[in-house]
């Protein structure tokens, strides 16, 4: 679902970086939750 614009504006780049960090945090949280639930 990611569309690459022809030209990157600073705002778009910042948004991509922020959303990327969010995705990483989400993945980290999911991995930890899976570990926790598998230990129970």
C-alpha atoms as a PDB file:
ATOM      1  CA  UNK A   1       0.000   0.000   0.000  1.00  0.00           C
ATOM      2  CA  UNK A   2       3.018   2.257  -0.299  1.00  0.00           C
ATOM      3  CA  UNK A   3       3.010   4.792  -3.097  1.00  0.00           C
ATOM      4  CA  UNK A   4       6.313   6.335  -4.080  1.00  0.00           C
ATOM      5  CA  UNK A   5       5.877   9.964  -5.140  1.00  0.00           C
ATOM      6  CA  UNK A   6       7.890  11.317  -8.054  1.00  0.00           C
ATOM      7  CA  UNK A   7       9.562  13.883  -5.822  1.00  0.00           C
ATOM      8  CA  UNK A   8      10.119  13.632  -2.075  1.00  0.00           C
ATOM      9  CA  UNK A   9       9.303  16.622   0.050  1.00  0.00           C
ATOM     10  CA  UNK A  10      10.855  16.903   3.532  1.00  0.00           C
ATOM     11  CA  UNK A  11       7.419  16.391   5.079  1.00  0.00           C
ATOM     12  CA  UNK A  12       6.882  13.164   3.132  1.00  0.00           C
ATOM     13  CA  UNK A  13      10.338  11.892   4.081  1.00  0.00           C
ATOM     14  CA  UNK A  14       9.702  12.725   7.733  1.00  0.00           C
ATOM     15  CA  UNK A  15       6.339  10.981   7.581  1.00  0.00           C
ATOM     16  CA  UNK A  16       7.949   7.881   6.072  1.00  0.00           C
ATOM     17  CA  UNK A  17      10.651   7.824   8.752  1.00  0.00           C
ATOM     18  CA  UNK A  18       8.101   8.286  11.528  1.00  0.00           C
ATOM     19  CA  UNK A  19       5.782   5.599  10.173  1.00  0.00           C
ATOM     20  CA  UNK A  20       8.762   3.292   9.699  1.00  0.00           C
ATOM     21  CA  UNK A  21       9.751   3.753  13.345  1.00  0.00           C
ATOM     22  CA  UNK A  22       6.157   3.119  14.363  1.00  0.00           C
ATOM     23  CA  UNK A  23       6.107  -0.086  12.329  1.00  0.00           C
ATOM     24  CA  UNK A  24       9.336  -1.242  13.959  1.00  0.00           C
ATOM     25  CA  UNK A  25       7.944  -0.544  17.419  1.00  0.00           C
ATOM     26  CA  UNK A  26       4.745  -2.370  16.530  1.00  0.00           C
ATOM     27  CA  UNK A  27       6.696  -5.378  15.278  1.00  0.00           C
ATOM     28  CA  UNK A  28       8.798  -5.333  18.443  1.00  0.00           C
ATOM     29  CA  UNK A  29       5.693  -5.199  20.610  1.00  0.00           C
ATOM     30  CA  UNK A  30       4.075  -8.030  18.667  1.00  0.00           C
ATOM     31  CA  UNK A  31       7.199 -10.183  18.981  1.00  0.00           C
ATOM     32  CA  UNK A  32       7.358  -9.584  22.723  1.00  0.00           C
ATOM     33  CA  UNK A  33       3.663 -10.327  23.126  1.00  0.00           C
ATOM     34  CA  UNK A  34       4.061 -13.570  21.170  1.00  0.00           C
ATOM     35  CA  UNK A  35       6.982 -14.563  23.397  1.00  0.00           C
ATOM     36  CA  UNK A  36       4.975 -13.745  26.511  1.00  0.00           C
ATOM     37  CA  UNK A  37       1.870 -15.620  25.399  1.00  0.00           C
ATOM     38  CA  UNK A  38       3.909 -18.655  24.336  1.00  0.00           C
ATOM     39  CA  UNK A  39       5.560 -18.825  27.775  1.00  0.00           C
ATOM     40  CA  UNK A  40       2.239 -19.049  29.633  1.00  0.00           C
END
